[in-house]
Amino acid sequence: MSKDILIIGGGDGLAVRDILRTNPDNVTLLDLDEELVNFFKNPVFDDDGIQINKEILELNEYAFSDKRVNVIFGDAYLNIKNLLMKKKKFGTIIVDLPDPSHPDLNKLYTTNFYEMLNGLLADTGAIAIQSTSPYLSKNVFLSIGKTLKESGFIVDQYQHIIPSFGGQWGWTIGTKTYPSARDRLNNLDVFPIEDDFLTRGKVIGSFEFGKNYYKNLSNIPVHNIGS
C-alpha cells in the first residue's frame, strides 16, 4: 500500500507528528491558514525577545520541519481538484477539519467532496474523518457516515472520550475495498506500530455503539452541495 499520506486541516502539526512516527514516505497537508501553520512551524518572539511558541513546537516535535512534509495552502476543495488533475494517490487520507457549521466548511462534508477524495485514495487505502460528537450532535455524526457511504466507501464509525473536547467524540473511517477498516483491525493480532496509549482491545471496542444507536438512520439525510 502507498505510504503517501494526505491530511486535510491539522494546521497545529499534531496529526503530522503522530503520522511521522509511522515512517511514511511523504505527508501532504492542506490548510487554509498560512499564518496559523507558520505559528506551529517557526519560532515566534515577543517584543522582549522571548519565544512564545517554544512549548508548542516541542509538543508537535517540530513536525513541519521534516523534509517529508509538504504543506499546500488555500481552499481545500480547489486543492483537491488540483491533486486529482495530477493523478495523485494516497494510501491514507485524514480529514481533520472543524465541525460543519459554515457554508465554506459544509462543502467539505458533502458527497461531492468525498467522491473527489475517493479518486485520490489508493484501492487498498483508508480515509478517516473527524465527525463531531456522536451524542451531542448525533444527526450530524450519522449524516457524515451516511454521506461517505453514498460516495462509494465501505464505512465504519467509532468513538472515544476526549476530555478537552467535552466528552465523547466520533470519527468515520472508510475503505474502497473489502475487508472493511473494522474487519482489518479485527484481523490483527498485534498492532504493527507501538503506541503508549492504544491497545488492540481499546481500538476494536471503540467501534461499538448502543443497541439502538443506528435505529433511525434511514431518516438521516445525505449531505450534498446546496443541501
Protein backbone atom coordinates (compact mmCIF):
# COMPACT_ATOMS: atom_id res chain seq x y z
CA MET A 1 0.00 0.00 0.00
CA SER A 2 1.15 3.54 -0.74
CA LYS A 3 2.89 5.21 2.19
CA ASP A 4 1.99 8.69 0.94
CA ILE A 5 -0.37 10.39 3.42
CA LEU A 6 -2.81 13.26 2.84
CA ILE A 7 -4.05 15.42 5.73
CA ILE A 8 -6.80 17.99 5.22
CA GLY A 9 -6.67 20.51 8.08
CA GLY A 10 -4.49 19.78 11.08
CA GLY A 11 -2.58 23.05 10.98
CA ASP A 12 -1.26 22.55 14.53
CA GLY A 13 1.04 19.77 13.29
CA LEU A 14 -0.09 17.24 15.91
CA ALA A 15 -1.55 14.82 13.37
CA VAL A 16 1.61 15.20 11.29
CA ARG A 17 3.70 14.43 14.39
CA ASP A 18 1.89 11.15 15.01
CA ILE A 19 1.91 10.16 11.35
CA LEU A 20 5.66 10.69 11.09
CA ARG A 21 6.07 8.05 13.80
CA THR A 22 4.70 5.51 11.29
CA ASN A 23 7.59 6.27 8.90
CA PRO A 24 5.62 7.42 5.83
CA ASP A 25 7.28 8.21 2.52
CA ASN A 26 5.60 11.61 2.20
CA VAL A 27 2.96 13.68 4.02
CA THR A 28 0.92 16.31 2.19
CA LEU A 29 -1.08 18.72 4.36
CA LEU A 30 -3.75 21.07 3.03
CA ASP A 31 -4.62 24.05 5.21
CA LEU A 32 -6.34 27.36 4.61
CA ASP A 33 -4.45 29.42 7.19
CA GLU A 34 -0.78 30.01 6.38
CA GLU A 35 -0.28 32.28 9.39
CA LEU A 36 -1.59 29.58 11.74
CA VAL A 37 0.67 26.88 10.30
CA ASN A 38 3.70 29.17 10.49
CA PHE A 39 2.98 29.70 14.20
CA PHE A 40 3.16 25.93 14.68
CA LYS A 41 6.27 25.66 12.48
CA ASN A 42 8.65 28.53 13.16
CA PRO A 43 9.87 30.25 16.37
CA VAL A 44 7.86 33.38 17.21
CA PHE A 45 9.24 36.02 19.60
CA ASP A 46 7.54 38.80 21.55
CA ASP A 47 8.84 42.37 21.85
CA ASP A 48 11.16 41.30 24.67
CA GLY A 49 12.79 38.62 22.55
CA ILE A 50 11.08 35.74 24.38
CA GLN A 51 9.90 32.86 22.22
CA ILE A 52 6.16 32.50 22.79
CA ASN A 53 5.59 29.21 20.98
CA LYS A 54 8.51 27.13 22.24
CA GLU A 55 6.32 24.64 24.13
CA ILE A 56 4.01 24.29 21.14
CA LEU A 57 6.87 23.42 18.79
CA GLU A 58 8.16 20.92 21.32
CA LEU A 59 4.66 19.42 21.57
CA ASN A 60 4.35 18.81 17.84
CA GLU A 61 8.03 17.77 17.77
CA TYR A 62 8.84 20.30 15.01
CA ALA A 63 6.81 18.14 12.63
CA PHE A 64 6.59 20.75 9.87
CA SER A 65 10.40 20.88 9.65
CA ASP A 66 10.54 17.26 8.47
CA LYS A 67 11.62 17.11 4.81
CA ARG A 68 8.90 14.57 4.04
CA VAL A 69 6.16 17.10 4.87
CA ASN A 70 4.73 19.29 2.12
CA VAL A 71 2.16 21.97 3.07
CA ILE A 72 -0.23 23.38 0.46
CA PHE A 73 -2.18 26.49 1.46
CA GLY A 74 -5.56 27.61 0.17
CA ASP A 75 -9.09 26.30 -0.27
CA ALA A 76 -9.10 22.52 0.27
CA TYR A 77 -11.85 21.98 -2.31
CA LEU A 78 -9.78 23.61 -5.05
CA ASN A 79 -6.53 21.97 -3.93
CA ILE A 80 -8.15 18.52 -4.03
CA LYS A 81 -9.21 19.19 -7.62
CA ASN A 82 -5.60 20.09 -8.46
CA LEU A 83 -4.30 16.87 -6.88
CA LEU A 84 -6.84 14.89 -8.93
CA MET A 85 -5.62 16.55 -12.12
CA LYS A 86 -2.09 15.46 -11.20
CA LYS A 87 -3.38 11.88 -10.73
CA LYS A 88 -2.03 11.70 -7.16
CA LYS A 89 -2.79 8.65 -5.00
CA PHE A 90 -2.58 8.35 -1.22
CA GLY A 91 -2.57 5.26 0.97
CA THR A 92 -4.20 7.18 3.83
CA ILE A 93 -6.35 10.32 3.89
CA ILE A 94 -7.11 12.07 7.19
CA VAL A 95 -9.75 14.82 7.25
CA ASP A 96 -9.08 16.86 10.40
CA LEU A 97 -11.47 19.78 9.91
CA PRO A 98 -13.71 21.77 12.31
CA ASP A 99 -17.36 20.78 12.54
CA PRO A 100 -19.53 21.73 9.53
CA SER A 101 -21.00 24.98 10.86
CA HIS A 102 -20.36 27.37 7.95
CA PRO A 103 -21.01 27.18 4.17
CA ASP A 104 -17.26 27.10 3.46
CA LEU A 105 -16.89 24.09 5.77
CA ASN A 106 -20.16 22.43 4.82
CA LYS A 107 -18.97 21.77 1.25
CA LEU A 108 -16.10 19.71 2.72
CA TYR A 109 -18.64 17.29 4.24
CA THR A 110 -20.57 16.52 1.04
CA THR A 111 -20.80 13.66 -1.44
CA ASN A 112 -19.13 15.95 -3.98
CA PHE A 113 -16.03 16.34 -1.79
CA TYR A 114 -15.91 12.72 -0.64
CA GLU A 115 -16.19 11.48 -4.23
CA MET A 116 -13.12 13.54 -5.10
CA LEU A 117 -11.27 12.02 -2.13
CA ASN A 118 -12.34 8.60 -3.38
CA GLY A 119 -10.44 9.38 -6.56
CA LEU A 120 -7.29 10.24 -4.57
CA LEU A 121 -7.35 7.17 -2.32
CA ALA A 122 -5.39 4.08 -3.32
CA ASP A 123 -7.53 0.99 -3.84
CA THR A 124 -6.33 -0.64 -0.61
CA GLY A 125 -6.18 2.60 1.39
CA ALA A 126 -8.37 4.12 4.09
CA ILE A 127 -9.85 7.53 4.87
CA ALA A 128 -10.64 8.81 8.39
CA ILE A 129 -12.81 11.86 9.10
CA GLN A 130 -13.35 13.96 12.21
CA SER A 131 -17.11 13.56 12.70
CA THR A 132 -18.11 15.65 15.78
CA SER A 133 -19.76 14.18 18.89
CA PRO A 134 -21.90 11.07 18.34
CA TYR A 135 -24.04 12.13 21.31
CA LEU A 136 -24.12 15.92 21.34
CA SER A 137 -24.52 16.09 17.55
CA LYS A 138 -25.87 12.65 16.73
CA ASN A 139 -27.65 13.54 13.48
CA VAL A 140 -24.53 15.23 12.09
CA PHE A 141 -22.39 12.26 13.06
CA LEU A 142 -24.78 9.83 11.37
CA SER A 143 -25.06 12.05 8.29
CA ILE A 144 -21.29 12.10 7.81
CA GLY A 145 -21.17 8.31 7.85
CA LYS A 146 -24.12 8.01 5.51
CA THR A 147 -22.70 10.65 3.15
CA LEU A 148 -19.33 8.87 2.97
CA LYS A 149 -21.09 5.60 2.16
CA GLU A 150 -23.08 7.32 -0.59
CA SER A 151 -19.75 8.45 -2.04
CA GLY A 152 -18.60 4.89 -2.71
CA PHE A 153 -16.88 3.89 0.53
CA ILE A 154 -17.30 0.91 2.86
CA VAL A 155 -17.97 2.74 6.12
CA ASP A 156 -17.48 2.20 9.85
CA GLN A 157 -17.75 4.72 12.68
CA TYR A 158 -16.01 4.84 16.03
CA GLN A 159 -15.86 6.91 19.21
CA HIS A 160 -13.67 7.78 22.17
CA ILE A 161 -13.72 10.10 25.19
CA ILE A 162 -11.73 13.30 24.58
CA PRO A 163 -11.88 15.38 27.79
CA SER A 164 -10.60 18.56 26.13
CA PHE A 165 -13.43 18.30 23.59
CA GLY A 166 -16.07 17.93 26.29
CA GLY A 167 -16.56 14.17 26.29
CA GLN A 168 -17.42 11.56 23.70
CA TRP A 169 -16.12 12.26 20.21
CA GLY A 170 -16.54 10.40 16.94
CA TRP A 171 -14.86 9.61 13.65
CA THR A 172 -15.80 7.95 10.40
CA ILE A 173 -13.46 5.60 8.55
CA GLY A 174 -13.89 4.27 5.03
CA THR A 175 -12.20 1.90 2.60
CA LYS A 176 -12.74 1.33 -1.11
CA THR A 177 -12.47 -2.44 -0.97
CA TYR A 178 -13.28 -5.24 1.48
CA PRO A 179 -12.34 -6.13 4.14
CA SER A 180 -13.66 -3.03 5.88
CA ALA A 181 -11.46 -0.99 8.21
CA ARG A 182 -13.09 -2.61 11.24
CA ASP A 183 -12.53 -6.12 9.87
CA ARG A 184 -8.91 -5.29 9.07
CA LEU A 185 -8.38 -4.27 12.70
CA ASN A 186 -10.14 -7.39 13.95
CA ASN A 187 -7.77 -9.49 11.87
CA LEU A 188 -4.69 -8.01 13.54
CA ASP A 189 -3.17 -9.99 16.39
CA VAL A 190 -0.90 -7.09 17.35
CA PHE A 191 -0.54 -3.53 16.13
CA PRO A 192 2.34 -3.08 13.69
CA ILE A 193 3.28 0.19 15.46
CA GLU A 194 3.96 0.61 19.17
CA ASP A 195 1.85 3.23 20.96
CA ASP A 196 1.97 4.41 24.57
CA PHE A 197 -1.82 4.63 24.86
CA LEU A 198 -3.70 2.49 22.35
CA THR A 199 -4.31 -1.22 22.75
CA ARG A 200 -5.95 -3.62 20.33
CA GLY A 201 -8.96 -4.07 22.63
CA LYS A 202 -9.44 -0.33 23.11
CA VAL A 203 -9.42 0.32 19.36
CA ILE A 204 -11.77 -2.56 18.49
CA GLY A 205 -14.13 -1.57 21.33
CA SER A 206 -14.34 2.00 20.02
CA PHE A 207 -16.47 0.74 17.10
CA GLU A 208 -19.25 -0.41 19.42
CA PHE A 209 -22.37 1.74 19.94
CA GLY A 210 -25.56 1.12 21.88
CA LYS A 211 -28.01 -1.46 20.52
CA ASN A 212 -30.44 1.08 19.03
CA TYR A 213 -27.99 3.82 18.17
CA TYR A 214 -28.47 3.45 14.39
CA LYS A 215 -32.20 2.72 14.65
CA ASN A 216 -33.34 5.87 12.81
CA LEU A 217 -30.51 6.01 10.29
CA SER A 218 -32.95 5.78 7.37
CA ASN A 219 -34.35 9.20 8.36
CA ILE A 220 -30.93 10.90 8.28
CA PRO A 221 -30.26 12.81 5.04
CA VAL A 222 -27.17 12.50 2.87
CA HIS A 223 -25.35 15.83 2.58
CA ASN A 224 -24.86 17.26 -0.92
CA ILE A 225 -23.70 20.65 -2.18
CA GLY A 226 -26.55 23.07 -1.56
CA SER A 227 -28.45 20.81 0.84
